[in-house]
Amino acid sequence: MKRVENLQFVIDNFINWKKQGLSIGEISQKTGISKSTIYRHLDVIAESNNCTRDELLSISETKNDVQNDQNSISEKWDNIISELDKLISEISKEEDRND
């Protein structure tokens, strides 16, 4: 694919890739277009997708924020379960001693 065709490919697919959580670096690797070239063309990409440059850049940040929140909740939940397991074990040991 020629460089101009690659750039058009990026313009056409940028939003979908960002929604999938791809970074500009990953898009660069996927397309063979340098990160700096992608950054230089963000205004064109934004205009082609009827949004602003900032909106383009925030797409993956929002997805990453949600993913980070989900990971944090999952870790907290795992800690709660672990603490409950310990308490149940301690209660069981205490009951065995009292029998």
C-alpha atoms as a PDB file:
ATOM      1  CA  MET A   1       0.000   0.000   0.000  1.00  0.00           C
ATOM      2  CA  LYS A   2       1.315   3.446  -0.860  1.00  0.00           C
ATOM      3  CA  ARG A   3       1.889   5.986   1.904  1.00  0.00           C
ATOM      4  CA  VAL A   4      -1.064   8.177   0.787  1.00  0.00           C
ATOM      5  CA  GLU A   5      -3.326   5.110   0.704  1.00  0.00           C
ATOM      6  CA  ASN A   6      -2.097   4.187   4.197  1.00  0.00           C
ATOM      7  CA  LEU A   7      -2.951   7.655   5.461  1.00  0.00           C
ATOM      8  CA  GLN A   8      -6.441   7.432   3.975  1.00  0.00           C
ATOM      9  CA  PHE A   9      -6.782   4.010   5.602  1.00  0.00           C
ATOM     10  CA  VAL A  10      -5.897   5.598   8.967  1.00  0.00           C
ATOM     11  CA  ILE A  11      -8.399   8.419   8.392  1.00  0.00           C
ATOM     12  CA  ASP A  12     -11.132   5.911   7.542  1.00  0.00           C
ATOM     13  CA  ASN A  13     -10.441   3.590  10.491  1.00  0.00           C
ATOM     14  CA  PHE A  14      -9.013   5.796  13.243  1.00  0.00           C
ATOM     15  CA  ILE A  15     -12.201   6.079  15.336  1.00  0.00           C
ATOM     16  CA  ASN A  16     -12.810   2.319  15.310  1.00  0.00           C
ATOM     17  CA  TRP A  17      -9.232   1.598  16.364  1.00  0.00           C
ATOM     18  CA  LYS A  18      -9.395   4.145  19.173  1.00  0.00           C
ATOM     19  CA  LYS A  19     -12.702   2.648  20.365  1.00  0.00           C
ATOM     20  CA  GLN A  20     -10.947  -0.733  20.426  1.00  0.00           C
ATOM     21  CA  GLY A  21      -8.421   0.858  22.764  1.00  0.00           C
ATOM     22  CA  LEU A  22      -5.495   1.108  20.372  1.00  0.00           C
ATOM     23  CA  SER A  23      -2.958   3.818  21.112  1.00  0.00           C
ATOM     24  CA  ILE A  24      -1.505   6.007  18.393  1.00  0.00           C
ATOM     25  CA  GLY A  25       1.675   3.964  18.723  1.00  0.00           C
ATOM     26  CA  GLU A  26      -0.265   0.761  18.067  1.00  0.00           C
ATOM     27  CA  ILE A  27      -2.053   2.371  15.117  1.00  0.00           C
ATOM     28  CA  SER A  28       1.364   3.431  13.831  1.00  0.00           C
ATOM     29  CA  GLN A  29       2.638  -0.148  14.026  1.00  0.00           C
ATOM     30  CA  LYS A  30      -0.538  -1.478  12.423  1.00  0.00           C
ATOM     31  CA  THR A  31      -0.347   0.885   9.444  1.00  0.00           C
ATOM     32  CA  GLY A  32       3.356   1.566   9.017  1.00  0.00           C
ATOM     33  CA  ILE A  33       2.774   5.309   9.376  1.00  0.00           C
ATOM     34  CA  SER A  34       4.906   7.044  11.982  1.00  0.00           C
ATOM     35  CA  LYS A  35       3.308   8.362  15.153  1.00  0.00           C
ATOM     36  CA  SER A  36       4.444  11.881  14.280  1.00  0.00           C
ATOM     37  CA  THR A  37       2.692  11.681  10.901  1.00  0.00           C
ATOM     38  CA  ILE A  38      -0.507  10.483  12.556  1.00  0.00           C
ATOM     39  CA  TYR A  39      -0.322  13.317  15.106  1.00  0.00           C
ATOM     40  CA  ARG A  40       0.300  15.834  12.307  1.00  0.00           C
ATOM     41  CA  HIS A  41      -2.842  14.611  10.518  1.00  0.00           C
ATOM     42  CA  LEU A  42      -5.169  14.454  13.546  1.00  0.00           C
ATOM     43  CA  ASP A  43      -6.983  17.599  12.394  1.00  0.00           C
ATOM     44  CA  VAL A  44      -7.727  15.973   9.029  1.00  0.00           C
ATOM     45  CA  ILE A  45      -8.792  12.767  10.763  1.00  0.00           C
ATOM     46  CA  ALA A  46     -11.013  14.750  13.145  1.00  0.00           C
ATOM     47  CA  GLU A  47     -12.615  16.724  10.340  1.00  0.00           C
ATOM     48  CA  SER A  48     -13.262  13.510   8.384  1.00  0.00           C
ATOM     49  CA  ASN A  49     -15.009  12.087  11.456  1.00  0.00           C
ATOM     50  CA  ASN A  50     -16.937  15.263  12.358  1.00  0.00           C
ATOM     51  CA  CYS A  51     -15.200  15.777  15.694  1.00  0.00           C
ATOM     52  CA  THR A  52     -12.313  17.684  17.212  1.00  0.00           C
ATOM     53  CA  ARG A  53      -8.707  16.636  17.654  1.00  0.00           C
ATOM     54  CA  ASP A  54      -9.226  16.597  21.431  1.00  0.00           C
ATOM     55  CA  GLU A  55     -12.258  14.316  21.068  1.00  0.00           C
ATOM     56  CA  LEU A  56     -10.169  11.909  18.994  1.00  0.00           C
ATOM     57  CA  LEU A  57      -7.476  11.768  21.632  1.00  0.00           C
ATOM     58  CA  SER A  58      -9.962  11.348  24.482  1.00  0.00           C
ATOM     59  CA  ILE A  59     -11.625   8.263  22.962  1.00  0.00           C
ATOM     60  CA  SER A  60      -8.986   5.837  24.163  1.00  0.00           C
ATOM     61  CA  GLU A  61      -8.356   7.758  27.375  1.00  0.00           C
ATOM     62  CA  THR A  62     -11.992   7.239  28.307  1.00  0.00           C
ATOM     63  CA  LYS A  63     -11.794   3.547  27.434  1.00  0.00           C
ATOM     64  CA  ASN A  64      -8.537   3.182  29.361  1.00  0.00           C
ATOM     65  CA  ASP A  65     -10.047   4.995  32.348  1.00  0.00           C
ATOM     66  CA  VAL A  66     -12.995   2.592  32.331  1.00  0.00           C
ATOM     67  CA  GLN A  67     -10.645  -0.381  32.016  1.00  0.00           C
ATOM     68  CA  ASN A  68      -8.525   0.912  34.909  1.00  0.00           C
ATOM     69  CA  ASP A  69     -11.665   1.382  37.020  1.00  0.00           C
ATOM     70  CA  GLN A  70     -12.794  -2.157  36.203  1.00  0.00           C
ATOM     71  CA  ASN A  71      -9.384  -3.532  37.149  1.00  0.00           C
ATOM     72  CA  SER A  72      -9.414  -1.570  40.392  1.00  0.00           C
ATOM     73  CA  ILE A  73     -12.892  -2.829  41.293  1.00  0.00           C
ATOM     74  CA  SER A  74     -11.861  -6.384  40.445  1.00  0.00           C
ATOM     75  CA  GLU A  75      -8.771  -6.129  42.660  1.00  0.00           C
ATOM     76  CA  LYS A  76     -10.816  -4.687  45.520  1.00  0.00           C
ATOM     77  CA  TRP A  77     -13.392  -7.437  45.140  1.00  0.00           C
ATOM     78  CA  ASP A  78     -10.665 -10.088  45.208  1.00  0.00           C
ATOM     79  CA  ASN A  79      -9.277  -8.525  48.405  1.00  0.00           C
ATOM     80  CA  ILE A  80     -12.720  -8.531  50.031  1.00  0.00           C
ATOM     81  CA  ILE A  81     -13.236 -12.204  49.140  1.00  0.00           C
ATOM     82  CA  SER A  82      -9.799 -13.050  50.487  1.00  0.00           C
ATOM     83  CA  GLU A  83     -10.513 -11.236  53.772  1.00  0.00           C
ATOM     84  CA  LEU A  84     -13.875 -12.983  54.080  1.00  0.00           C
ATOM     85  CA  ASP A  85     -12.218 -16.349  53.518  1.00  0.00           C
ATOM     86  CA  LYS A  86      -9.750 -15.568  56.307  1.00  0.00           C
ATOM     87  CA  LEU A  87     -12.542 -14.539  58.678  1.00  0.00           C
ATOM     88  CA  ILE A  88     -14.544 -17.666  57.899  1.00  0.00           C
ATOM     89  CA  SER A  89     -11.453 -19.776  58.537  1.00  0.00           C
ATOM     90  CA  GLU A  90     -10.815 -18.026  61.860  1.00  0.00           C
ATOM     91  CA  ILE A  91     -14.450 -18.487  62.918  1.00  0.00           C
ATOM     92  CA  SER A  92     -14.283 -22.174  62.003  1.00  0.00           C
ATOM     93  CA  LYS A  93     -11.103 -22.637  64.057  1.00  0.00           C
ATOM     94  CA  GLU A  94     -12.685 -20.815  66.994  1.00  0.00           C
ATOM     95  CA  GLU A  95     -15.795 -22.991  66.789  1.00  0.00           C
ATOM     96  CA  ASP A  96     -13.620 -26.128  66.692  1.00  0.00           C
ATOM     97  CA  ARG A  97     -11.804 -24.995  69.832  1.00  0.00           C
ATOM     98  CA  ASN A  98     -15.092 -24.376  71.623  1.00  0.00           C
ATOM     99  CA  ASP A  99     -16.451 -27.826  70.810  1.00  0.00           C
END
